[in-house]
Protein backbone atom coordinates (compact mmCIF):
# COMPACT_ATOMS: atom_id res chain seq x y z
CA MET A 1 0.39 2.38 11.53
CA LYS A 2 -1.93 2.23 8.56
CA SER A 3 -0.50 2.96 5.14
CA LEU A 4 -1.45 2.81 1.50
CA SER A 5 0.44 0.91 -1.17
CA ASP A 6 1.78 2.78 -4.18
CA GLY A 7 -0.30 2.27 -7.29
CA ALA A 8 -3.22 3.47 -9.38
CA TYR A 9 -6.75 3.60 -7.96
CA LEU A 10 -10.08 4.06 -9.75
CA LEU A 11 -13.09 5.64 -8.07
CA SER A 12 -15.92 3.17 -7.52
CA GLN A 13 -18.56 5.51 -6.05
CA VAL A 14 -19.04 8.71 -4.05
CA THR A 15 -21.63 9.06 -1.27
CA ILE A 16 -22.46 12.71 -0.55
CA THR A 17 -24.46 14.10 2.37
CA GLU A 18 -25.68 17.66 1.79
CA ASN A 19 -28.43 19.46 3.74
CA GLY A 20 -29.24 16.19 5.49
CA GLU A 21 -29.83 14.32 2.20
CA THR A 22 -27.61 11.53 0.92
CA SER A 23 -26.92 10.71 -2.73
CA VAL A 24 -24.59 8.34 -4.55
CA GLN A 25 -22.62 9.49 -7.59
CA LEU A 26 -20.51 7.64 -10.14
CA ARG A 27 -17.73 9.20 -12.21
CA ASP A 28 -14.57 8.21 -14.09
CA GLN A 29 -11.76 9.34 -11.79
CA ILE A 30 -8.24 8.11 -11.15
CA LYS A 31 -5.72 8.73 -8.40
CA ILE A 32 -2.11 7.58 -8.43
CA TYR A 33 0.18 7.41 -5.40
CA THR A 34 3.86 6.68 -5.97
CA GLN A 35 7.19 7.63 -4.39
CA GLY A 36 5.65 10.14 -1.98
CA LYS A 37 3.63 11.91 -4.69
CA PHE A 38 -0.03 11.94 -5.75
CA MET A 39 -2.07 12.98 -8.76
CA PHE A 40 -5.78 12.75 -9.52
CA ALA A 41 -7.94 13.64 -12.50
CA PHE A 42 -11.58 13.65 -13.59
CA ASP A 43 -14.10 15.58 -15.65
CA ASN A 44 -16.14 17.53 -13.09
CA GLU A 45 -19.74 17.66 -14.30
CA SER A 46 -20.77 20.00 -11.47
CA THR A 47 -18.40 22.72 -12.70
CA GLY A 48 -18.29 21.83 -16.39
CA ASP A 49 -14.48 21.76 -16.23
CA MET A 50 -11.65 19.35 -15.60
CA ASP A 51 -10.51 18.75 -12.02
CA VAL A 52 -6.84 17.77 -11.84
CA GLY A 53 -4.23 18.14 -9.11
CA ALA A 54 -0.83 16.79 -8.09
CA GLY A 55 1.73 17.18 -5.33
CA ASN A 56 3.40 15.65 -2.29
CA ALA A 57 1.84 12.88 -0.17
CA THR A 58 3.19 12.09 3.30
CA TRP A 59 1.86 9.94 6.15
CA VAL A 60 1.85 11.85 9.47
CA ASN A 61 0.56 10.05 12.59
CA GLY A 62 -1.71 7.82 10.53
CA VAL A 63 -3.16 10.67 8.43
CA LEU A 64 -2.18 11.31 4.82
CA LEU A 65 -0.97 14.88 4.30
CA GLU A 66 -1.38 16.06 0.71
CA GLU A 67 0.42 19.22 -0.44
CA PRO A 68 -0.75 20.29 -3.92
CA LEU A 69 1.95 21.69 -6.21
CA VAL A 70 -0.11 22.15 -9.37
CA ASN A 71 -3.70 21.94 -10.59
CA HIS A 72 -5.61 22.64 -13.79
CA ASP A 73 -5.23 26.41 -13.23
CA GLY A 74 -1.45 26.34 -12.74
CA PRO A 75 1.22 26.09 -9.99
CA LEU A 76 0.19 26.08 -6.31
CA SER A 77 2.01 26.74 -3.04
CA GLY A 78 1.29 27.00 0.66
CA LEU A 79 -1.62 24.52 0.67
CA SER A 80 -1.96 21.28 2.64
CA PHE A 81 -4.84 18.90 3.38
CA ASP A 82 -5.21 16.16 5.97
CA ILE A 83 -6.84 13.24 4.18
CA THR A 84 -8.52 10.51 6.23
CA ILE A 85 -7.87 7.29 4.35
CA GLU A 86 -8.85 3.79 5.42
CA PRO A 87 -7.06 1.09 3.43
CA THR A 88 -9.34 -1.77 2.40
CA GLU A 89 -8.75 -5.17 0.84
CA ALA A 90 -9.76 -3.79 -2.58
CA GLY A 91 -8.20 -0.31 -2.25
CA PHE A 92 -9.17 2.46 0.17
CA ASP A 93 -12.00 4.65 1.42
CA GLN A 94 -11.51 8.41 1.67
CA VAL A 95 -13.68 10.54 3.94
CA LEU A 96 -13.97 14.34 3.60
CA HIS A 97 -15.87 16.53 6.07
CA GLY A 98 -17.15 20.08 5.52
CA MET A 99 -15.94 20.40 1.94
CA THR A 100 -16.71 23.89 0.58
CA TYR A 101 -17.24 24.73 -3.10
CA ASP A 102 -16.54 28.07 -4.80
CA ASP A 103 -20.29 28.69 -5.10
CA GLY A 104 -20.71 28.49 -1.31
CA ARG A 105 -22.07 24.95 -1.12
CA VAL A 106 -20.91 23.00 1.92
CA LEU A 107 -21.00 19.22 1.98
CA GLU A 108 -21.45 17.59 5.37
CA THR A 109 -19.57 14.46 4.31
CA MET A 110 -18.18 12.94 1.14
CA VAL A 111 -17.17 9.28 1.24
CA GLU A 112 -15.17 8.03 -1.76
CA VAL A 113 -14.67 4.31 -2.38
CA TRP A 114 -11.57 3.52 -4.43
CA LYS A 115 -10.46 0.23 -5.96
CA ARG A 116 -6.90 -0.59 -6.93
CA ALA A 117 -6.42 -0.85 -10.69
CA PRO A 118 -4.38 -3.74 -12.12
CA GLY A 119 -0.88 -2.78 -13.15
CA GLU A 120 2.79 -3.14 -12.26
CA PRO A 121 5.42 -0.57 -11.28
CA SER A 122 7.80 0.65 -13.99
CA PRO A 123 11.23 2.34 -14.05
CA TYR A 124 9.47 5.55 -15.12
CA ASP A 125 7.14 5.85 -12.11
CA GLY A 126 6.96 9.26 -10.49
CA LEU A 127 5.61 12.79 -10.82
CA TRP A 128 7.24 14.66 -13.71
CA LYS A 129 7.30 18.27 -14.90
CA LEU A 130 8.02 19.11 -18.54
CA GLU A 131 11.39 20.85 -18.92
CA THR A 132 11.80 21.17 -22.71
CA ARG A 133 9.77 20.19 -25.77
CA GLN A 134 11.03 19.83 -29.34
CA THR A 135 8.51 19.67 -32.17
CA ASP A 136 7.98 20.87 -35.75
CA ASN A 137 4.54 22.30 -34.94
CA PRO A 138 4.97 26.13 -34.82
CA GLU A 139 1.28 26.71 -34.01
CA LEU A 140 1.63 25.25 -30.49
CA THR A 141 3.59 27.46 -28.06
CA ASP A 142 4.02 28.05 -24.30
CA PHE A 143 3.51 24.33 -23.75
CA THR A 144 3.50 23.01 -20.17
CA GLU A 145 2.79 19.50 -18.91
CA THR A 146 2.65 17.58 -15.65
CA LYS A 147 2.76 13.79 -15.95
CA MET A 148 2.29 11.09 -13.33
CA ILE A 149 3.23 7.47 -13.95
CA GLY A 150 2.51 4.66 -11.50
CA GLY A 151 0.75 1.35 -11.05
CA GLY A 152 0.63 0.66 -14.79
CA HIS A 153 -1.25 3.92 -15.45
CA PHE A 154 -0.54 7.54 -16.34
CA ILE A 155 -2.13 10.99 -15.96
CA ILE A 156 -1.24 14.06 -18.03
CA LEU A 157 -2.20 17.71 -17.57
CA GLN A 158 -1.31 20.14 -20.36
CA SER A 159 -1.68 23.81 -21.18
CA ALA A 160 -0.49 25.72 -24.25
CA LEU A 161 -1.25 28.44 -26.74
CA PHE A 162 -2.64 27.16 -30.04
CA LYS A 163 -2.61 29.86 -32.73
CA GLY A 164 -2.50 32.35 -29.83
CA GLU A 165 -5.49 30.87 -27.97
CA LYS A 166 -5.07 29.32 -24.49
CA ILE A 167 -6.00 25.65 -24.34
CA ARG A 168 -5.96 23.10 -21.51
CA ASN A 169 -6.27 19.33 -21.68
CA PHE A 170 -6.01 16.30 -19.45
CA GLY A 171 -6.15 12.56 -19.86
CA PHE A 172 -5.41 9.28 -18.12
CA GLY A 173 -5.09 5.66 -19.11
CA THR A 174 -2.99 2.51 -18.99
CA PHE A 175 0.80 2.40 -19.27
CA ASP A 176 2.01 -0.90 -20.77
CA VAL A 177 5.81 -1.23 -20.85
CA LYS A 178 7.23 -3.16 -23.82
CA GLU A 179 10.82 -3.95 -24.79
CA GLY A 180 13.50 -1.41 -25.65
CA GLY A 181 11.99 1.47 -23.72
CA LYS A 182 8.76 1.38 -25.70
CA VAL A 183 5.46 1.96 -23.89
CA LEU A 184 1.90 1.63 -25.17
CA GLU A 185 -0.27 4.37 -23.67
CA SER A 186 -4.00 3.67 -24.02
CA GLY A 187 -6.47 6.41 -23.13
CA MET A 188 -9.36 5.82 -20.73
CA THR A 189 -10.79 9.30 -20.00
CA GLY A 190 -9.69 12.71 -21.23
CA SER A 191 -10.70 16.07 -22.62
CA TRP A 192 -9.73 15.27 -26.21
CA ASP A 193 -12.37 13.91 -28.59
CA ASN A 194 -12.59 10.10 -28.56
CA TYR A 195 -9.75 9.87 -26.04
CA SER A 196 -10.98 6.46 -24.86
CA GLU A 197 -9.93 5.15 -28.28
CA HIS A 198 -6.50 6.81 -28.17
CA LYS A 199 -3.40 4.61 -28.36
CA ALA A 200 0.17 5.82 -28.73
CA GLU A 201 3.54 4.12 -28.78
CA VAL A 202 5.96 6.24 -26.78
CA VAL A 203 9.70 5.70 -26.36
CA PHE A 204 11.05 6.49 -22.88
CA GLN A 205 14.60 6.96 -21.61
CA LEU A 206 15.77 7.78 -18.09
CA ILE A 207 18.51 10.42 -17.87
CA GLY A 208 20.14 9.83 -14.51
CA ASP A 209 17.83 9.59 -11.49
CA ASN A 210 15.76 12.73 -11.94
CA ARG A 211 15.23 13.38 -15.65
CA MET A 212 13.38 11.48 -18.35
CA ALA A 213 12.91 11.74 -22.12
CA GLN A 214 9.93 10.61 -24.14
CA SER A 215 9.44 10.74 -27.91
CA PHE A 216 6.47 9.99 -30.15
CA THR A 217 4.78 11.00 -33.39
CA SER A 218 1.74 13.31 -33.31
CA LYS A 219 -0.12 14.28 -36.49
CA GLY A 220 2.97 13.56 -38.55
CA CYS A 221 5.29 15.56 -36.27
CA GLU A 222 8.12 14.02 -34.26
CA VAL A 223 7.93 15.22 -30.66
CA THR A 224 10.64 14.87 -28.02
CA GLN A 225 9.97 15.96 -24.44
CA ILE A 226 12.36 16.14 -21.48
CA TYR A 227 10.96 15.97 -17.92
CA VAL A 228 12.39 16.58 -14.46
CA ARG A 229 11.09 14.96 -11.28
CA MET A 230 8.88 17.14 -9.08
């Protein structure tokens, strides 16, 4: 039975057939599979918004079943998608048929070519949901975050109120484990300004099997966040 190795994958190209015409698109997109979970993220130019989702991933009779639990608009339930994936030497190909957009567009086929990104597993791999957040910044409230770690990479999806205004952000990058629980997170693509230049040293600690703490400094404020596995 075919299967796909856990790890981080970067999109190489997308071939779209719509109204009998075929075009090739390039975009910065990541997808991480680890421990029966998935998460993807990219900046969707066609909608002018982020496109981020995460959930369960299970192989059923050679087809990957993805069950989204959260996306950039919030929690999800009752959804499932059969994903046709063909593992390749470099990564995998993903084929989608009859994909429908909110504006009514229907794509005949979408073929995505993914390549495995370099990186090693870490003790912190998994899909995590923020449980509590401690910070000295009173202007940021109602903070939520989903974080995926796997294959030497990470993805984060955040929402919060900043001075009473709703904000959403996402980002992904490399996850380089150092000594003593320290990790260097280096941004690749995200919704923050100059995120590709972002680097942060984060201290991680596992709390049993299903909880994790991370702490870092942001704009002079010490931040400690506790996560639970999804």
